[in-house]
N, C-alpha and C. Protein backbone atom coordinates (compact mmCIF):
# COMPACT_ATOMS: atom_id res chain seq x y z
N UNK A 1 0.82 -1.19 0.00
CA UNK A 1 0.00 0.00 0.00
C UNK A 1 0.87 1.27 0.00
N UNK A 2 1.92 1.23 0.81
CA UNK A 2 2.81 2.37 0.90
C UNK A 2 3.54 2.58 -0.42
N UNK A 3 3.90 1.49 -1.09
CA UNK A 3 4.58 1.59 -2.38
C UNK A 3 3.68 2.23 -3.43
N UNK A 4 2.39 1.90 -3.42
CA UNK A 4 1.44 2.49 -4.37
C UNK A 4 1.33 4.00 -4.15
N UNK A 5 1.23 4.43 -2.91
CA UNK A 5 1.14 5.85 -2.61
C UNK A 5 2.41 6.58 -3.03
N UNK A 6 3.53 5.97 -2.75
CA UNK A 6 4.81 6.57 -3.11
C UNK A 6 4.93 6.69 -4.63
N UNK A 7 4.51 5.64 -5.32
CA UNK A 7 4.56 5.65 -6.79
C UNK A 7 3.62 6.72 -7.35
N UNK A 8 2.38 6.77 -6.86
CA UNK A 8 1.43 7.77 -7.34
C UNK A 8 1.88 9.19 -7.02
N UNK A 9 2.45 9.37 -5.86
CA UNK A 9 2.95 10.69 -5.49
C UNK A 9 4.06 11.14 -6.43
N UNK A 10 4.96 10.23 -6.76
CA UNK A 10 6.05 10.59 -7.66
C UNK A 10 5.54 10.86 -9.08
N UNK A 11 4.50 10.13 -9.51
CA UNK A 11 3.91 10.38 -10.84
C UNK A 11 3.28 11.77 -10.87
N UNK A 12 2.49 12.12 -9.85
CA UNK A 12 1.85 13.44 -9.81
C UNK A 12 2.88 14.57 -9.69
N UNK A 13 3.93 14.34 -8.92
CA UNK A 13 4.97 15.35 -8.76
C UNK A 13 5.69 15.58 -10.09
N UNK A 14 5.99 14.49 -10.78
CA UNK A 14 6.64 14.60 -12.09
C UNK A 14 5.75 15.34 -13.08
N UNK A 15 4.46 15.00 -13.10
CA UNK A 15 3.52 15.67 -14.00
C UNK A 15 3.42 17.16 -13.68
N UNK A 16 3.40 17.49 -12.40
CA UNK A 16 3.31 18.88 -11.99
C UNK A 16 4.56 19.67 -12.40
N UNK A 17 5.70 19.01 -12.41
CA UNK A 17 6.93 19.70 -12.80
C UNK A 17 7.05 19.83 -14.30
N UNK A 18 6.51 18.91 -15.07
CA UNK A 18 6.62 18.94 -16.53
C UNK A 18 5.57 19.84 -17.17
N UNK A 19 4.41 19.97 -16.56
CA UNK A 19 3.30 20.74 -17.15
C UNK A 19 3.69 22.17 -17.52
N UNK A 20 4.34 22.95 -16.66
CA UNK A 20 4.70 24.33 -17.06
C UNK A 20 5.63 24.38 -18.27
N UNK A 21 6.54 23.43 -18.37
CA UNK A 21 7.44 23.40 -19.52
C UNK A 21 6.68 23.10 -20.80
N UNK A 22 5.72 22.22 -20.74
CA UNK A 22 4.93 21.87 -21.91
C UNK A 22 4.05 23.05 -22.33
N UNK A 23 3.52 23.77 -21.38
CA UNK A 23 2.68 24.92 -21.70
C UNK A 23 3.50 26.03 -22.33
N UNK A 24 4.66 26.33 -21.78
CA UNK A 24 5.49 27.40 -22.34
C UNK A 24 6.07 27.02 -23.70
N UNK A 25 6.28 25.75 -23.95
CA UNK A 25 6.79 25.32 -25.25
C UNK A 25 5.75 25.51 -26.34
N UNK A 26 4.48 25.43 -25.99
CA UNK A 26 3.41 25.60 -26.97
C UNK A 26 2.89 27.03 -27.05
N UNK A 27 3.43 27.93 -26.27
CA UNK A 27 2.95 29.32 -26.29
C UNK A 27 3.28 29.98 -27.62
N UNK A 28 2.39 30.81 -28.08
CA UNK A 28 2.59 31.51 -29.35
C UNK A 28 3.69 32.55 -29.18
N UNK A 29 4.58 32.67 -30.17
CA UNK A 29 5.64 33.67 -30.06
C UNK A 29 5.06 35.07 -30.14
N UNK A 30 5.60 35.96 -29.35
CA UNK A 30 5.13 37.34 -29.35
C UNK A 30 6.01 38.17 -30.26
N UNK A 31 5.38 39.08 -31.00
CA UNK A 31 6.18 39.94 -31.87
C UNK A 31 6.93 40.95 -31.00
N UNK A 32 8.14 41.22 -31.39
CA UNK A 32 8.98 42.12 -30.64
C UNK A 32 8.75 43.54 -31.15
N UNK A 33 8.52 44.44 -30.25
CA UNK A 33 8.29 45.83 -30.61
C UNK A 33 9.37 46.68 -29.96
N UNK A 34 9.93 47.60 -30.73
CA UNK A 34 10.97 48.49 -30.25
C UNK A 34 10.43 49.91 -30.33
N UNK A 35 10.67 50.69 -29.30
CA UNK A 35 10.23 52.09 -29.32
C UNK A 35 11.28 52.94 -30.01
N UNK A 36 10.82 53.77 -30.95
CA UNK A 36 11.71 54.66 -31.69
C UNK A 36 11.24 56.09 -31.45
N UNK A 37 12.17 56.98 -31.16
CA UNK A 37 11.83 58.37 -30.89
C UNK A 37 11.93 59.19 -32.16
N UNK A 38 10.88 59.96 -32.45
CA UNK A 38 10.85 60.87 -33.59
C UNK A 38 11.14 62.26 -33.05
N UNK A 39 12.36 62.73 -33.27
CA UNK A 39 12.81 63.98 -32.68
C UNK A 39 12.03 65.19 -33.21
N UNK A 40 11.74 65.21 -34.51
CA UNK A 40 11.05 66.37 -35.08
C UNK A 40 9.62 66.52 -34.58
N UNK A 41 8.93 65.39 -34.38
CA UNK A 41 7.55 65.44 -33.91
C UNK A 41 7.44 65.22 -32.40
N UNK A 42 8.58 64.98 -31.78
CA UNK A 42 8.66 64.79 -30.33
C UNK A 42 7.68 63.72 -29.82
N UNK A 43 7.71 62.56 -30.47
CA UNK A 43 6.86 61.45 -30.02
C UNK A 43 7.57 60.13 -30.27
N UNK A 44 7.04 59.10 -29.67
CA UNK A 44 7.59 57.76 -29.81
C UNK A 44 6.69 56.94 -30.72
N UNK A 45 7.31 55.99 -31.41
CA UNK A 45 6.58 55.05 -32.25
C UNK A 45 7.03 53.64 -31.90
N UNK A 46 6.10 52.71 -31.88
CA UNK A 46 6.45 51.31 -31.68
C UNK A 46 6.79 50.70 -33.02
N UNK A 47 8.01 50.24 -33.15
CA UNK A 47 8.44 49.63 -34.41
C UNK A 47 8.07 48.15 -34.35
N UNK A 48 7.05 47.79 -35.09
CA UNK A 48 6.56 46.41 -35.10
C UNK A 48 6.28 46.02 -36.55
N UNK A 49 5.51 44.96 -36.75
CA UNK A 49 5.22 44.49 -38.10
C UNK A 49 4.50 45.55 -38.93
N UNK A 50 3.61 46.29 -38.30
CA UNK A 50 2.87 47.35 -39.01
C UNK A 50 3.82 48.43 -39.51
N UNK A 51 4.78 48.80 -38.65
CA UNK A 51 5.74 49.83 -39.04
C UNK A 51 6.67 49.30 -40.13
N UNK A 52 7.00 48.02 -40.08
CA UNK A 52 7.80 47.42 -41.15
C UNK A 52 7.09 47.54 -42.49
N UNK A 53 5.78 47.27 -42.51
CA UNK A 53 5.01 47.38 -43.75
C UNK A 53 4.99 48.82 -44.24
N UNK A 54 4.84 49.77 -43.33
CA UNK A 54 4.82 51.18 -43.72
C UNK A 54 6.17 51.60 -44.28
N UNK A 55 7.25 51.14 -43.66
CA UNK A 55 8.58 51.51 -44.14
C UNK A 55 8.84 50.88 -45.52
N UNK A 56 8.34 49.68 -45.73
CA UNK A 56 8.48 49.05 -47.05
C UNK A 56 7.73 49.87 -48.10
N UNK A 57 6.55 50.36 -47.77
CA UNK A 57 5.78 51.22 -48.67
C UNK A 57 6.54 52.52 -48.94
N UNK A 58 7.11 53.09 -47.90
CA UNK A 58 7.91 54.31 -48.04
C UNK A 58 9.09 54.08 -48.97
N UNK A 59 9.78 52.96 -48.79
CA UNK A 59 10.92 52.67 -49.66
C UNK A 59 10.48 52.45 -51.10
N UNK A 60 9.27 51.93 -51.31
CA UNK A 60 8.76 51.78 -52.67
C UNK A 60 8.54 53.13 -53.34
N UNK A 61 8.11 54.12 -52.56
CA UNK A 61 7.90 55.46 -53.09
C UNK A 61 9.20 56.26 -53.17
N UNK A 62 10.21 55.84 -52.43
CA UNK A 62 11.51 56.52 -52.41
C UNK A 62 12.61 55.49 -52.69
N UNK A 63 12.81 55.13 -53.95
CA UNK A 63 13.76 54.04 -54.27
C UNK A 63 15.21 54.34 -53.88
N UNK A 64 15.54 55.61 -53.64
CA UNK A 64 16.93 55.91 -53.25
C UNK A 64 17.27 55.37 -51.87
N UNK A 65 16.23 55.03 -51.07
CA UNK A 65 16.46 54.47 -49.75
C UNK A 65 16.37 52.95 -49.82
N UNK A 66 17.47 52.33 -50.11
CA UNK A 66 17.48 50.88 -50.28
C UNK A 66 17.95 50.12 -49.05
N UNK A 67 17.96 50.78 -47.90
CA UNK A 67 18.44 50.12 -46.68
C UNK A 67 17.32 50.06 -45.66
N UNK A 68 17.54 49.24 -44.65
CA UNK A 68 16.56 49.15 -43.56
C UNK A 68 16.59 50.44 -42.75
N UNK A 69 15.57 50.63 -41.94
CA UNK A 69 15.47 51.85 -41.13
C UNK A 69 16.68 51.99 -40.21
N UNK A 70 17.08 50.92 -39.59
CA UNK A 70 18.21 50.98 -38.64
C UNK A 70 19.51 51.40 -39.31
N UNK A 71 19.67 51.06 -40.59
CA UNK A 71 20.90 51.39 -41.30
C UNK A 71 20.80 52.72 -42.05
N UNK A 72 19.61 53.30 -42.09
CA UNK A 72 19.42 54.57 -42.79
C UNK A 72 20.09 55.70 -42.02
N UNK A 73 20.50 56.72 -42.76
CA UNK A 73 21.09 57.90 -42.12
C UNK A 73 19.99 58.66 -41.39
N UNK A 74 20.40 59.51 -40.45
CA UNK A 74 19.43 60.26 -39.64
C UNK A 74 18.52 61.12 -40.52
N UNK A 75 19.06 61.69 -41.57
CA UNK A 75 18.25 62.52 -42.47
C UNK A 75 17.15 61.67 -43.11
N UNK A 76 17.51 60.48 -43.53
CA UNK A 76 16.52 59.58 -44.14
C UNK A 76 15.47 59.16 -43.12
N UNK A 77 15.89 58.91 -41.89
CA UNK A 77 14.95 58.54 -40.84
C UNK A 77 13.98 59.68 -40.56
N UNK A 78 14.49 60.92 -40.53
CA UNK A 78 13.60 62.07 -40.32
C UNK A 78 12.60 62.21 -41.48
N UNK A 79 13.06 61.97 -42.70
CA UNK A 79 12.15 62.03 -43.85
C UNK A 79 11.09 60.95 -43.76
N UNK A 80 11.48 59.78 -43.26
CA UNK A 80 10.49 58.71 -43.10
C UNK A 80 9.41 59.12 -42.11
N UNK A 81 9.80 59.68 -40.95
CA UNK A 81 8.80 60.05 -39.95
C UNK A 81 7.91 61.18 -40.44
N UNK A 82 8.46 62.11 -41.23
CA UNK A 82 7.63 63.16 -41.81
C UNK A 82 6.60 62.52 -42.76
N UNK A 83 7.06 61.59 -43.58
CA UNK A 83 6.15 60.87 -44.48
C UNK A 83 5.13 60.06 -43.68
N UNK A 84 5.59 59.44 -42.63
CA UNK A 84 4.73 58.56 -41.83
C UNK A 84 3.60 59.35 -41.16
N UNK A 85 3.90 60.56 -40.72
CA UNK A 85 2.86 61.39 -40.10
C UNK A 85 1.82 61.84 -41.13
N UNK A 86 2.22 61.88 -42.38
CA UNK A 86 1.28 62.24 -43.45
C UNK A 86 0.49 61.03 -43.94
N UNK A 87 0.97 59.83 -43.63
CA UNK A 87 0.35 58.58 -44.09
C UNK A 87 0.03 57.67 -42.91
N UNK A 88 -1.00 57.97 -42.13
CA UNK A 88 -1.34 57.10 -41.00
C UNK A 88 -1.90 55.76 -41.46
N UNK A 89 -1.92 54.81 -40.55
CA UNK A 89 -2.48 53.48 -40.86
C UNK A 89 -3.97 53.60 -41.16
N UNK A 90 -4.41 52.75 -42.06
CA UNK A 90 -5.84 52.73 -42.41
C UNK A 90 -6.42 51.35 -42.16
N UNK A 91 -6.04 50.73 -41.04
CA UNK A 91 -6.55 49.39 -40.72
C UNK A 91 -7.94 49.43 -40.17
């Protein structure tokens, strides 16, 4: 009888220890958002998937900017934010 209780206790303890790992392994990945400061407009923007799409659209309209936002010069970044304030999301 004691062996059965000991066995069942160890099974439940093992299950309780494994459950959080299984739950976190199946959790949906969260998109990473970075805050970017727009000096000219004195506001912050969350750089996420939506902002990536907007920057891609901006680069399509301005082919001379063939680099990512992070690699763009400060002048180009300021031009993007000026454009961005004129083109808000329409979701």
